[in-house]
Amino acid sequence: MQKGGRGGFKLGGQARPLENPPSPPFAKGGTGSASILDKMDFAFFLIQLLNGLQYGLLLFLVASGLTLIFGIMGIINLAHGSFYMLGAYLAWSLAGLTGSLVAAILVAVPLTVLFGMALEWLLIRRLYERDHLFQVLLTYGLILVFEELRSIVWGDDVHGVPVPELLNASIRLTENLSYPVYRLFI
């Protein structure tokens, strides 16, 4: 089957047009099924807006850490997100051991800070007076090492912790849609 002219297909060398060609997905009031814009309501838009805001703030948190480290220490630390990942996996592991997410976070944060201080003392300190290219190469190498260690220690499965009771509620947006309180807390 080959594509023919005007949206048809050639069958046996002859072009046949489609009987009901589909309308573009964003067309207003096209033929056939309702468009995406016709189906979207305010509650759906609000949920997507809240999700985008939450994700954007999370990215801002990670990016601001990268900016602060470069501004204060003068080093380009591309492995900053890897430290964030290490803290999250430590909190997940400790939450499984202690049964408390709050206690796990209170222990994981200082452990991650100590690990970062040890790496700064062992590796990064030697690069303060060197060109930024050396800093980029070292910290990119650390990203690769951290990612491989994460895969070895914690595996490649997706992990999660139960939501604390205090945040285990929903805000009702409509009779069918609600938004979790823990996402607003984050």
C-alpha atoms as a PDB file:
ATOM      1  CA  MET A   1       0.000   0.000   0.000  1.00  0.00           C
ATOM      2  CA  GLN A   2       1.441   3.359  -1.036  1.00  0.00           C
ATOM      3  CA  LYS A   3       0.341   6.856  -0.144  1.00  0.00           C
ATOM      4  CA  GLY A   4      -1.577   8.443  -2.970  1.00  0.00           C
ATOM      5  CA  GLY A   5      -2.521  12.060  -3.595  1.00  0.00           C
ATOM      6  CA  ARG A   6      -5.046  14.030  -1.467  1.00  0.00           C
ATOM      7  CA  GLY A   7      -4.934  11.776   1.615  1.00  0.00           C
ATOM      8  CA  GLY A   8      -5.806   8.550  -0.221  1.00  0.00           C
ATOM      9  CA  PHE A   9      -3.951   5.281  -0.640  1.00  0.00           C
ATOM     10  CA  LYS A  10      -3.017   3.516  -3.861  1.00  0.00           C
ATOM     11  CA  LEU A  11      -4.458   0.047  -4.091  1.00  0.00           C
ATOM     12  CA  GLY A  12      -3.385  -1.743  -7.197  1.00  0.00           C
ATOM     13  CA  GLY A  13      -1.996   1.434  -8.749  1.00  0.00           C
ATOM     14  CA  GLN A  14      -5.224   3.451  -8.345  1.00  0.00           C
ATOM     15  CA  ALA A  15      -5.644   6.273  -5.761  1.00  0.00           C
ATOM     16  CA  ARG A  16      -8.811   6.131  -3.619  1.00  0.00           C
ATOM     17  CA  PRO A  17      -9.664   9.049  -1.309  1.00  0.00           C
ATOM     18  CA  LEU A  18     -10.555   8.419   2.325  1.00  0.00           C
ATOM     19  CA  GLU A  19     -14.316   8.511   2.950  1.00  0.00           C
ATOM     20  CA  ASN A  20     -14.216  10.398   6.305  1.00  0.00           C
ATOM     21  CA  PRO A  21     -10.813  12.017   6.738  1.00  0.00           C
ATOM     22  CA  PRO A  22     -10.025  12.715  10.411  1.00  0.00           C
ATOM     23  CA  SER A  23     -10.102  16.316  11.617  1.00  0.00           C
ATOM     24  CA  PRO A  24      -6.982  17.793  13.190  1.00  0.00           C
ATOM     25  CA  PRO A  25      -6.934  17.207  16.984  1.00  0.00           C
ATOM     26  CA  PHE A  26      -7.039  20.906  17.907  1.00  0.00           C
ATOM     27  CA  ALA A  27      -9.628  22.003  15.347  1.00  0.00           C
ATOM     28  CA  LYS A  28     -12.726  23.664  16.757  1.00  0.00           C
ATOM     29  CA  GLY A  29     -15.923  21.869  15.798  1.00  0.00           C
ATOM     30  CA  GLY A  30     -14.429  19.634  13.103  1.00  0.00           C
ATOM     31  CA  THR A  31     -16.250  16.664  11.659  1.00  0.00           C
ATOM     32  CA  GLY A  32     -16.283  13.430  13.574  1.00  0.00           C
ATOM     33  CA  SER A  33     -15.407  13.319  17.270  1.00  0.00           C
ATOM     34  CA  ALA A  34     -15.160  16.363  19.539  1.00  0.00           C
ATOM     35  CA  SER A  35     -11.816  18.130  19.620  1.00  0.00           C
ATOM     36  CA  ILE A  36      -9.475  18.234  22.612  1.00  0.00           C
ATOM     37  CA  LEU A  37     -10.325  21.870  23.347  1.00  0.00           C
ATOM     38  CA  ASP A  38     -14.036  21.027  23.509  1.00  0.00           C
ATOM     39  CA  LYS A  39     -13.428  18.270  26.081  1.00  0.00           C
ATOM     40  CA  MET A  40     -11.088  20.211  28.403  1.00  0.00           C
ATOM     41  CA  ASP A  41     -12.860  21.707  31.397  1.00  0.00           C
ATOM     42  CA  PHE A  42     -11.702  24.012  34.178  1.00  0.00           C
ATOM     43  CA  ALA A  43     -11.002  21.230  36.726  1.00  0.00           C
ATOM     44  CA  PHE A  44      -8.720  19.388  34.312  1.00  0.00           C
ATOM     45  CA  PHE A  45      -6.940  22.642  33.534  1.00  0.00           C
ATOM     46  CA  LEU A  46      -6.556  23.391  37.265  1.00  0.00           C
ATOM     47  CA  ILE A  47      -5.043  19.967  37.997  1.00  0.00           C
ATOM     48  CA  GLN A  48      -2.568  20.327  35.143  1.00  0.00           C
ATOM     49  CA  LEU A  49      -1.714  23.832  36.332  1.00  0.00           C
ATOM     50  CA  LEU A  50      -1.063  22.602  39.892  1.00  0.00           C
ATOM     51  CA  ASN A  51       1.028  19.666  38.619  1.00  0.00           C
ATOM     52  CA  GLY A  52       3.075  22.004  36.423  1.00  0.00           C
ATOM     53  CA  LEU A  53       3.562  24.445  39.296  1.00  0.00           C
ATOM     54  CA  GLN A  54       4.702  21.668  41.634  1.00  0.00           C
ATOM     55  CA  TYR A  55       7.125  20.217  39.088  1.00  0.00           C
ATOM     56  CA  GLY A  56       8.449  23.666  38.178  1.00  0.00           C
ATOM     57  CA  LEU A  57       9.125  24.473  41.832  1.00  0.00           C
ATOM     58  CA  LEU A  58      10.939  21.164  42.246  1.00  0.00           C
ATOM     59  CA  LEU A  59      13.144  21.961  39.244  1.00  0.00           C
ATOM     60  CA  PHE A  60      13.700  25.447  40.658  1.00  0.00           C
ATOM     61  CA  LEU A  61      14.891  23.936  43.943  1.00  0.00           C
ATOM     62  CA  VAL A  62      17.458  21.753  42.187  1.00  0.00           C
ATOM     63  CA  ALA A  63      18.551  24.503  39.781  1.00  0.00           C
ATOM     64  CA  SER A  64      18.901  27.097  42.537  1.00  0.00           C
ATOM     65  CA  GLY A  65      21.195  24.716  44.416  1.00  0.00           C
ATOM     66  CA  LEU A  66      23.364  24.434  41.311  1.00  0.00           C
ATOM     67  CA  THR A  67      23.438  28.215  40.941  1.00  0.00           C
ATOM     68  CA  LEU A  68      24.251  28.825  44.605  1.00  0.00           C
ATOM     69  CA  ILE A  69      27.096  26.322  44.555  1.00  0.00           C
ATOM     70  CA  PHE A  70      28.596  27.953  41.475  1.00  0.00           C
ATOM     71  CA  GLY A  71      28.099  31.454  42.873  1.00  0.00           C
ATOM     72  CA  ILE A  72      29.474  30.768  46.349  1.00  0.00           C
ATOM     73  CA  MET A  73      32.117  28.134  45.717  1.00  0.00           C
ATOM     74  CA  GLY A  74      33.008  29.042  42.143  1.00  0.00           C
ATOM     75  CA  ILE A  75      32.731  25.469  40.933  1.00  0.00           C
ATOM     76  CA  ILE A  76      30.449  23.990  38.298  1.00  0.00           C
ATOM     77  CA  ASN A  77      28.912  20.991  40.061  1.00  0.00           C
ATOM     78  CA  LEU A  78      26.860  19.095  37.507  1.00  0.00           C
ATOM     79  CA  ALA A  79      26.502  16.250  40.038  1.00  0.00           C
ATOM     80  CA  HIS A  80      24.240  18.399  42.245  1.00  0.00           C
ATOM     81  CA  GLY A  81      21.177  16.415  41.153  1.00  0.00           C
ATOM     82  CA  SER A  82      22.989  13.204  42.043  1.00  0.00           C
ATOM     83  CA  PHE A  83      23.318  14.401  45.630  1.00  0.00           C
ATOM     84  CA  TYR A  84      19.589  15.140  45.597  1.00  0.00           C
ATOM     85  CA  MET A  85      19.019  11.579  44.305  1.00  0.00           C
ATOM     86  CA  LEU A  86      21.290  10.126  47.000  1.00  0.00           C
ATOM     87  CA  GLY A  87      19.345  11.933  49.729  1.00  0.00           C
ATOM     88  CA  ALA A  88      16.038  10.681  48.318  1.00  0.00           C
ATOM     89  CA  TYR A  89      17.209   7.060  48.146  1.00  0.00           C
ATOM     90  CA  LEU A  90      18.701   7.256  51.625  1.00  0.00           C
ATOM     91  CA  ALA A  91      15.391   8.619  52.928  1.00  0.00           C
ATOM     92  CA  TRP A  92      13.531   5.802  51.158  1.00  0.00           C
ATOM     93  CA  SER A  93      15.840   3.158  52.657  1.00  0.00           C
ATOM     94  CA  LEU A  94      15.686   4.651  56.133  1.00  0.00           C
ATOM     95  CA  ALA A  95      11.890   5.003  55.948  1.00  0.00           C
ATOM     96  CA  GLY A  96      11.721   1.270  55.303  1.00  0.00           C
ATOM     97  CA  LEU A  97      13.953   0.583  58.317  1.00  0.00           C
ATOM     98  CA  THR A  98      12.407   3.048  60.766  1.00  0.00           C
ATOM     99  CA  GLY A  99       8.818   3.097  59.525  1.00  0.00           C
ATOM    100  CA  SER A 100       8.783   6.902  59.746  1.00  0.00           C
ATOM    101  CA  LEU A 101       9.324   9.194  56.777  1.00  0.00           C
ATOM    102  CA  VAL A 102      10.008  12.221  58.993  1.00  0.00           C
ATOM    103  CA  ALA A 103      12.721  10.377  60.957  1.00  0.00           C
ATOM    104  CA  ALA A 104      14.189   9.077  57.702  1.00  0.00           C
ATOM    105  CA  ILE A 105      14.414  12.597  56.255  1.00  0.00           C
ATOM    106  CA  LEU A 106      15.965  13.932  59.469  1.00  0.00           C
ATOM    107  CA  VAL A 107      18.697  11.281  59.230  1.00  0.00           C
ATOM    108  CA  ALA A 108      19.136  11.239  55.428  1.00  0.00           C
ATOM    109  CA  VAL A 109      19.762  14.978  55.067  1.00  0.00           C
ATOM    110  CA  PRO A 110      22.797  15.073  57.432  1.00  0.00           C
ATOM    111  CA  LEU A 111      24.163  11.865  55.899  1.00  0.00           C
ATOM    112  CA  THR A 112      23.921  13.375  52.422  1.00  0.00           C
ATOM    113  CA  VAL A 113      25.601  16.583  53.622  1.00  0.00           C
ATOM    114  CA  LEU A 114      28.436  14.555  55.164  1.00  0.00           C
ATOM    115  CA  PHE A 115      28.845  12.586  51.939  1.00  0.00           C
ATOM    116  CA  GLY A 116      28.978  15.847  49.956  1.00  0.00           C
ATOM    117  CA  MET A 117      31.559  17.287  52.339  1.00  0.00           C
ATOM    118  CA  ALA A 118      33.697  14.149  51.991  1.00  0.00           C
ATOM    119  CA  LEU A 119      33.587  14.345  48.185  1.00  0.00           C
ATOM    120  CA  GLU A 120      34.431  18.037  48.308  1.00  0.00           C
ATOM    121  CA  TRP A 121      37.433  17.277  50.524  1.00  0.00           C
ATOM    122  CA  LEU A 122      38.594  14.292  48.445  1.00  0.00           C
ATOM    123  CA  LEU A 123      37.971  15.427  44.864  1.00  0.00           C
ATOM    124  CA  ILE A 124      36.437  18.833  44.246  1.00  0.00           C
ATOM    125  CA  ARG A 125      38.824  20.877  46.383  1.00  0.00           C
ATOM    126  CA  ARG A 126      41.652  20.086  43.972  1.00  0.00           C
ATOM    127  CA  LEU A 127      39.771  21.818  41.129  1.00  0.00           C
ATOM    128  CA  TYR A 128      39.168  25.275  42.614  1.00  0.00           C
ATOM    129  CA  GLU A 129      42.118  26.874  40.852  1.00  0.00           C
ATOM    130  CA  ARG A 130      41.753  24.926  37.618  1.00  0.00           C
ATOM    131  CA  ASP A 131      39.778  25.671  34.486  1.00  0.00           C
ATOM    132  CA  HIS A 132      36.015  25.083  34.541  1.00  0.00           C
ATOM    133  CA  LEU A 133      36.404  22.295  31.984  1.00  0.00           C
ATOM    134  CA  PHE A 134      38.126  20.116  34.609  1.00  0.00           C
ATOM    135  CA  GLN A 135      35.244  20.779  37.011  1.00  0.00           C
ATOM    136  CA  VAL A 136      32.689  19.816  34.377  1.00  0.00           C
ATOM    137  CA  LEU A 137      34.565  16.611  33.533  1.00  0.00           C
ATOM    138  CA  LEU A 138      34.894  15.549  37.174  1.00  0.00           C
ATOM    139  CA  THR A 139      31.319  16.296  38.148  1.00  0.00           C
ATOM    140  CA  TYR A 140      29.937  14.678  34.984  1.00  0.00           C
ATOM    141  CA  GLY A 141      32.010  11.605  35.827  1.00  0.00           C
ATOM    142  CA  LEU A 142      30.481  11.684  39.317  1.00  0.00           C
ATOM    143  CA  ILE A 143      27.016  11.661  37.739  1.00  0.00           C
ATOM    144  CA  LEU A 144      27.890   8.466  35.877  1.00  0.00           C
ATOM    145  CA  VAL A 145      29.387   6.847  38.982  1.00  0.00           C
ATOM    146  CA  PHE A 146      26.413   7.814  41.187  1.00  0.00           C
ATOM    147  CA  GLU A 147      23.921   6.526  38.633  1.00  0.00           C
ATOM    148  CA  GLU A 148      25.690   3.186  38.356  1.00  0.00           C
ATOM    149  CA  LEU A 149      25.996   2.856  42.141  1.00  0.00           C
ATOM    150  CA  ARG A 150      22.291   3.671  42.484  1.00  0.00           C
ATOM    151  CA  SER A 151      21.479   0.939  40.009  1.00  0.00           C
ATOM    152  CA  ILE A 152      23.655  -1.569  41.885  1.00  0.00           C
ATOM    153  CA  VAL A 153      22.533  -0.670  45.429  1.00  0.00           C
ATOM    154  CA  TRP A 154      18.825   0.133  44.969  1.00  0.00           C
ATOM    155  CA  GLY A 155      18.053  -1.459  41.604  1.00  0.00           C
ATOM    156  CA  ASP A 156      16.211  -0.025  38.625  1.00  0.00           C
ATOM    157  CA  ASP A 157      12.665  -0.330  39.988  1.00  0.00           C
ATOM    158  CA  VAL A 158      10.602   2.717  40.896  1.00  0.00           C
ATOM    159  CA  HIS A 159      10.421   3.200  44.679  1.00  0.00           C
ATOM    160  CA  GLY A 160       8.074   5.231  46.833  1.00  0.00           C
ATOM    161  CA  VAL A 161       7.163   5.845  50.443  1.00  0.00           C
ATOM    162  CA  PRO A 162       3.693   5.925  51.966  1.00  0.00           C
ATOM    163  CA  VAL A 163       2.212   9.382  52.391  1.00  0.00           C
ATOM    164  CA  PRO A 164       2.289  10.547  56.040  1.00  0.00           C
ATOM    165  CA  GLU A 165      -1.120  10.570  57.749  1.00  0.00           C
ATOM    166  CA  LEU A 166      -1.016  14.346  58.200  1.00  0.00           C
ATOM    167  CA  LEU A 167      -0.816  14.844  54.419  1.00  0.00           C
ATOM    168  CA  ASN A 168      -2.986  11.897  53.391  1.00  0.00           C
ATOM    169  CA  ALA A 169      -6.036  13.896  52.302  1.00  0.00           C
ATOM    170  CA  SER A 170      -7.454  15.413  49.124  1.00  0.00           C
ATOM    171  CA  ILE A 171      -8.935  18.743  48.170  1.00  0.00           C
ATOM    172  CA  ARG A 172     -12.124  18.240  46.191  1.00  0.00           C
ATOM    173  CA  LEU A 173     -12.138  20.272  42.966  1.00  0.00           C
ATOM    174  CA  THR A 174     -15.308  18.861  41.432  1.00  0.00           C
ATOM    175  CA  GLU A 175     -17.539  15.910  42.234  1.00  0.00           C
ATOM    176  CA  ASN A 176     -15.190  13.640  40.238  1.00  0.00           C
ATOM    177  CA  LEU A 177     -11.775  15.279  40.674  1.00  0.00           C
ATOM    178  CA  SER A 178      -9.615  15.942  43.709  1.00  0.00           C
ATOM    179  CA  TYR A 179      -6.025  17.039  44.295  1.00  0.00           C
ATOM    180  CA  PRO A 180      -3.738  15.449  46.940  1.00  0.00           C
ATOM    181  CA  VAL A 181      -2.684  17.635  49.874  1.00  0.00           C
ATOM    182  CA  TYR A 182       0.865  16.234  49.913  1.00  0.00           C
ATOM    183  CA  ARG A 183       1.456  17.683  46.428  1.00  0.00           C
ATOM    184  CA  LEU A 184       0.488  21.126  47.681  1.00  0.00           C
ATOM    185  CA  PHE A 185       2.799  20.642  50.669  1.00  0.00           C
ATOM    186  CA  ILE A 186       5.779  19.824  48.473  1.00  0.00           C
END
